[in-house]
C-alpha atoms as a PDB file:
ATOM      1  CA  UNK A   1      -7.493 -10.736 -13.526  1.00  0.00           C
ATOM      2  CA  UNK A   2      -9.124 -11.057 -10.114  1.00  0.00           C
ATOM      3  CA  UNK A   3      -9.805  -8.003  -7.978  1.00  0.00           C
ATOM      4  CA  UNK A   4      -9.804  -8.128  -4.175  1.00  0.00           C
ATOM      5  CA  UNK A   5     -12.918  -6.540  -2.623  1.00  0.00           C
ATOM      6  CA  UNK A   6     -11.937  -4.803   0.591  1.00  0.00           C
ATOM      7  CA  UNK A   7     -14.317  -4.456   3.510  1.00  0.00           C
ATOM      8  CA  UNK A   8     -12.886  -1.084   4.511  1.00  0.00           C
ATOM      9  CA  UNK A   9     -13.994   2.302   3.225  1.00  0.00           C
ATOM     10  CA  UNK A  10     -11.455   4.803   1.979  1.00  0.00           C
ATOM     11  CA  UNK A  11     -10.845   7.791   4.233  1.00  0.00           C
ATOM     12  CA  UNK A  12     -13.146  10.770   3.775  1.00  0.00           C
ATOM     13  CA  UNK A  13     -12.087  14.398   3.704  1.00  0.00           C
ATOM     14  CA  UNK A  14     -10.502  17.023   1.512  1.00  0.00           C
ATOM     15  CA  UNK A  15      -8.144  18.755   3.952  1.00  0.00           C
ATOM     16  CA  UNK A  16      -4.565  17.437   3.918  1.00  0.00           C
ATOM     17  CA  UNK A  17      -4.112  17.546   7.703  1.00  0.00           C
ATOM     18  CA  UNK A  18      -7.460  15.856   8.351  1.00  0.00           C
ATOM     19  CA  UNK A  19      -6.733  12.911   6.037  1.00  0.00           C
ATOM     20  CA  UNK A  20      -3.066  12.690   7.103  1.00  0.00           C
ATOM     21  CA  UNK A  21      -4.038  12.524  10.783  1.00  0.00           C
ATOM     22  CA  UNK A  22      -6.385   9.553  10.238  1.00  0.00           C
ATOM     23  CA  UNK A  23      -4.074   7.683   7.847  1.00  0.00           C
ATOM     24  CA  UNK A  24      -1.027   8.158  10.061  1.00  0.00           C
ATOM     25  CA  UNK A  25      -3.014   6.976  13.109  1.00  0.00           C
ATOM     26  CA  UNK A  26      -3.542   3.651  11.313  1.00  0.00           C
ATOM     27  CA  UNK A  27       0.199   3.490  10.579  1.00  0.00           C
ATOM     28  CA  UNK A  28       1.068   4.228  14.229  1.00  0.00           C
ATOM     29  CA  UNK A  29      -1.279   1.457  15.404  1.00  0.00           C
ATOM     30  CA  UNK A  30       0.586  -1.001  13.145  1.00  0.00           C
ATOM     31  CA  UNK A  31       3.969   0.420  14.176  1.00  0.00           C
ATOM     32  CA  UNK A  32       3.272  -0.294  17.857  1.00  0.00           C
ATOM     33  CA  UNK A  33       3.002  -4.009  17.062  1.00  0.00           C
ATOM     34  CA  UNK A  34       6.629  -4.276  15.912  1.00  0.00           C
ATOM     35  CA  UNK A  35       9.821  -3.376  17.717  1.00  0.00           C
ATOM     36  CA  UNK A  36      11.961  -2.439  14.740  1.00  0.00           C
ATOM     37  CA  UNK A  37      10.805  -1.751  11.175  1.00  0.00           C
ATOM     38  CA  UNK A  38       7.065  -1.418  10.681  1.00  0.00           C
ATOM     39  CA  UNK A  39       5.562  -4.293   8.716  1.00  0.00           C
ATOM     40  CA  UNK A  40       2.427  -6.293   8.004  1.00  0.00           C
ATOM     41  CA  UNK A  41       2.174  -9.954   7.094  1.00  0.00           C
ATOM     42  CA  UNK A  42       0.724 -10.907   3.729  1.00  0.00           C
ATOM     43  CA  UNK A  43      -1.255 -14.053   3.001  1.00  0.00           C
ATOM     44  CA  UNK A  44      -0.318 -13.914  -0.688  1.00  0.00           C
ATOM     45  CA  UNK A  45       3.414 -13.957   0.092  1.00  0.00           C
ATOM     46  CA  UNK A  46       3.006 -16.890   2.531  1.00  0.00           C
ATOM     47  CA  UNK A  47       2.864 -14.720   5.656  1.00  0.00           C
ATOM     48  CA  UNK A  48       6.136 -12.960   4.849  1.00  0.00           C
ATOM     49  CA  UNK A  49       6.683  -9.368   5.951  1.00  0.00           C
ATOM     50  CA  UNK A  50       5.883  -6.314   3.861  1.00  0.00           C
ATOM     51  CA  UNK A  51       7.602  -3.218   5.228  1.00  0.00           C
ATOM     52  CA  UNK A  52       5.343  -0.180   5.031  1.00  0.00           C
ATOM     53  CA  UNK A  53       7.462   2.796   6.127  1.00  0.00           C
ATOM     54  CA  UNK A  54       8.712   3.373   2.564  1.00  0.00           C
ATOM     55  CA  UNK A  55       5.171   4.440   1.622  1.00  0.00           C
ATOM     56  CA  UNK A  56       5.432   7.523   3.842  1.00  0.00           C
ATOM     57  CA  UNK A  57       8.846   8.461   2.437  1.00  0.00           C
ATOM     58  CA  UNK A  58       7.501   8.069  -1.093  1.00  0.00           C
ATOM     59  CA  UNK A  59       4.439  10.141  -0.184  1.00  0.00           C
ATOM     60  CA  UNK A  60       6.491  13.013   1.227  1.00  0.00           C
ATOM     61  CA  UNK A  61       8.529  13.151  -2.006  1.00  0.00           C
ATOM     62  CA  UNK A  62       5.370  14.148  -3.880  1.00  0.00           C
ATOM     63  CA  UNK A  63       5.005  17.888  -4.319  1.00  0.00           C
ATOM     64  CA  UNK A  64       1.289  18.124  -5.027  1.00  0.00           C
ATOM     65  CA  UNK A  65      -0.923  18.128  -1.905  1.00  0.00           C
ATOM     66  CA  UNK A  66      -3.951  16.908  -3.880  1.00  0.00           C
ATOM     67  CA  UNK A  67      -1.996  13.864  -5.027  1.00  0.00           C
ATOM     68  CA  UNK A  68      -0.887  13.154  -1.451  1.00  0.00           C
ATOM     69  CA  UNK A  69      -4.471  13.346  -0.203  1.00  0.00           C
ATOM     70  CA  UNK A  70      -5.689  11.123  -3.032  1.00  0.00           C
ATOM     71  CA  UNK A  71      -3.150   8.435  -2.123  1.00  0.00           C
ATOM     72  CA  UNK A  72      -3.560   8.673   1.661  1.00  0.00           C
ATOM     73  CA  UNK A  73      -7.315   8.152   1.391  1.00  0.00           C
ATOM     74  CA  UNK A  74      -6.688   4.612   0.135  1.00  0.00           C
ATOM     75  CA  UNK A  75      -4.116   3.703   2.815  1.00  0.00           C
ATOM     76  CA  UNK A  76      -6.495   1.602   5.013  1.00  0.00           C
ATOM     77  CA  UNK A  77      -7.839  -0.184   1.936  1.00  0.00           C
ATOM     78  CA  UNK A  78      -4.286  -0.972   0.810  1.00  0.00           C
ATOM     79  CA  UNK A  79      -3.370  -2.430   4.211  1.00  0.00           C
ATOM     80  CA  UNK A  80      -6.464  -4.654   4.129  1.00  0.00           C
ATOM     81  CA  UNK A  81      -5.669  -5.802   0.591  1.00  0.00           C
ATOM     82  CA  UNK A  82      -2.043  -6.605   1.414  1.00  0.00           C
ATOM     83  CA  UNK A  83      -2.977  -8.603   4.490  1.00  0.00           C
ATOM     84  CA  UNK A  84      -5.800 -10.647   2.979  1.00  0.00           C
ATOM     85  CA  UNK A  85      -5.602 -11.028  -0.798  1.00  0.00           C
ATOM     86  CA  UNK A  86      -5.066 -14.401  -2.442  1.00  0.00           C
ATOM     87  CA  UNK A  87      -5.168 -13.049  -5.988  1.00  0.00           C
ATOM     88  CA  UNK A  88      -2.077 -12.883  -8.180  1.00  0.00           C
ATOM     89  CA  UNK A  89      -0.636  -9.428  -8.873  1.00  0.00           C
ATOM     90  CA  UNK A  90       0.787  -8.165 -12.125  1.00  0.00           C
ATOM     91  CA  UNK A  91       4.528  -8.637 -11.596  1.00  0.00           C
ATOM     92  CA  UNK A  92       7.389  -7.330 -13.698  1.00  0.00           C
ATOM     93  CA  UNK A  93      11.042  -6.520 -13.348  1.00  0.00           C
ATOM     94  CA  UNK A  94      11.783  -2.902 -12.474  1.00  0.00           C
ATOM     95  CA  UNK A  95      13.079  -1.278 -15.690  1.00  0.00           C
ATOM     96  CA  UNK A  96      15.259   1.128 -13.677  1.00  0.00           C
ATOM     97  CA  UNK A  97      16.788  -1.510 -11.377  1.00  0.00           C
ATOM     98  CA  UNK A  98      17.179  -5.098 -12.523  1.00  0.00           C
ATOM     99  CA  UNK A  99      17.531  -6.290  -8.919  1.00  0.00           C
ATOM    100  CA  UNK A 100      13.880  -5.463  -8.117  1.00  0.00           C
ATOM    101  CA  UNK A 101      10.477  -6.855  -8.992  1.00  0.00           C
ATOM    102  CA  UNK A 102       7.402  -4.641  -8.948  1.00  0.00           C
ATOM    103  CA  UNK A 103       4.068  -6.211  -7.977  1.00  0.00           C
ATOM    104  CA  UNK A 104       0.758  -4.435  -8.649  1.00  0.00           C
ATOM    105  CA  UNK A 105      -2.341  -5.631  -6.824  1.00  0.00           C
ATOM    106  CA  UNK A 106      -5.787  -4.404  -7.814  1.00  0.00           C
ATOM    107  CA  UNK A 107      -8.540  -3.842  -5.277  1.00  0.00           C
ATOM    108  CA  UNK A 108     -11.995  -2.370  -5.042  1.00  0.00           C
ATOM    109  CA  UNK A 109     -13.507  -0.495  -2.103  1.00  0.00           C
ATOM    110  CA  UNK A 110     -16.982  -1.060  -0.695  1.00  0.00           C
ATOM    111  CA  UNK A 111     -18.156   1.957  -2.678  1.00  0.00           C
ATOM    112  CA  UNK A 112     -16.900   0.295  -5.917  1.00  0.00           C
ATOM    113  CA  UNK A 113     -13.802   2.440  -6.442  1.00  0.00           C
ATOM    114  CA  UNK A 114     -10.880   0.588  -8.021  1.00  0.00           C
ATOM    115  CA  UNK A 115      -7.382   1.192  -6.629  1.00  0.00           C
ATOM    116  CA  UNK A 116      -3.901  -0.195  -7.236  1.00  0.00           C
ATOM    117  CA  UNK A 117      -1.293  -1.123  -4.619  1.00  0.00           C
ATOM    118  CA  UNK A 118       2.358  -1.323  -5.627  1.00  0.00           C
ATOM    119  CA  UNK A 119       4.948  -3.486  -3.865  1.00  0.00           C
ATOM    120  CA  UNK A 120       8.692  -3.526  -4.519  1.00  0.00           C
ATOM    121  CA  UNK A 121      10.563  -6.789  -3.929  1.00  0.00           C
ATOM    122  CA  UNK A 122      14.331  -6.955  -3.665  1.00  0.00           C
ATOM    123  CA  UNK A 123      15.516 -10.077  -5.516  1.00  0.00           C
ATOM    124  CA  UNK A 124      18.653 -10.636  -3.436  1.00  0.00           C
ATOM    125  CA  UNK A 125      17.070 -10.353   0.027  1.00  0.00           C
ATOM    126  CA  UNK A 126      13.434 -11.180  -0.846  1.00  0.00           C
ATOM    127  CA  UNK A 127      12.336  -8.206   1.243  1.00  0.00           C
ATOM    128  CA  UNK A 128       9.097  -6.561   0.170  1.00  0.00           C
ATOM    129  CA  UNK A 129       8.236  -2.884   0.523  1.00  0.00           C
ATOM    130  CA  UNK A 130       4.860  -1.189   0.193  1.00  0.00           C
ATOM    131  CA  UNK A 131       5.558   1.737  -2.131  1.00  0.00           C
ATOM    132  CA  UNK A 132       2.306   3.271  -3.218  1.00  0.00           C
ATOM    133  CA  UNK A 133      -1.464   3.125  -3.499  1.00  0.00           C
ATOM    134  CA  UNK A 134      -3.513   5.162  -5.955  1.00  0.00           C
ATOM    135  CA  UNK A 135      -6.944   5.065  -7.605  1.00  0.00           C
ATOM    136  CA  UNK A 136      -7.245   3.472 -11.030  1.00  0.00           C
ATOM    137  CA  UNK A 137      -8.156   6.017 -13.663  1.00  0.00           C
END
């Protein structure tokens, strides 16, 4: 399995509001580039769109603030990975919904921390959604 080496550092900080402010600023910068749903284009998926607003909904469903901080810190690294990776993800059918495919990309930060980015693909529409990013244990 190949691992994409990102050129971006993860966000620093331990306070929820501090990390959220910086991560959401990156999201807002991307959001200003599109008129409707916020997306990025992925080289791996032949420049097709990956919608990223679902990540924030998924993040707000989490109850634990430490878990939210841990995931938000890797947000810029995940965006870089999704835009630039050529490496194949681990793909499998969603066991809860047969109409979806889950893709897991693996990346490594400049400080050698391994993280995983999860994408959900709808089989009928071929739309892709960025769900989550988290450090590998």
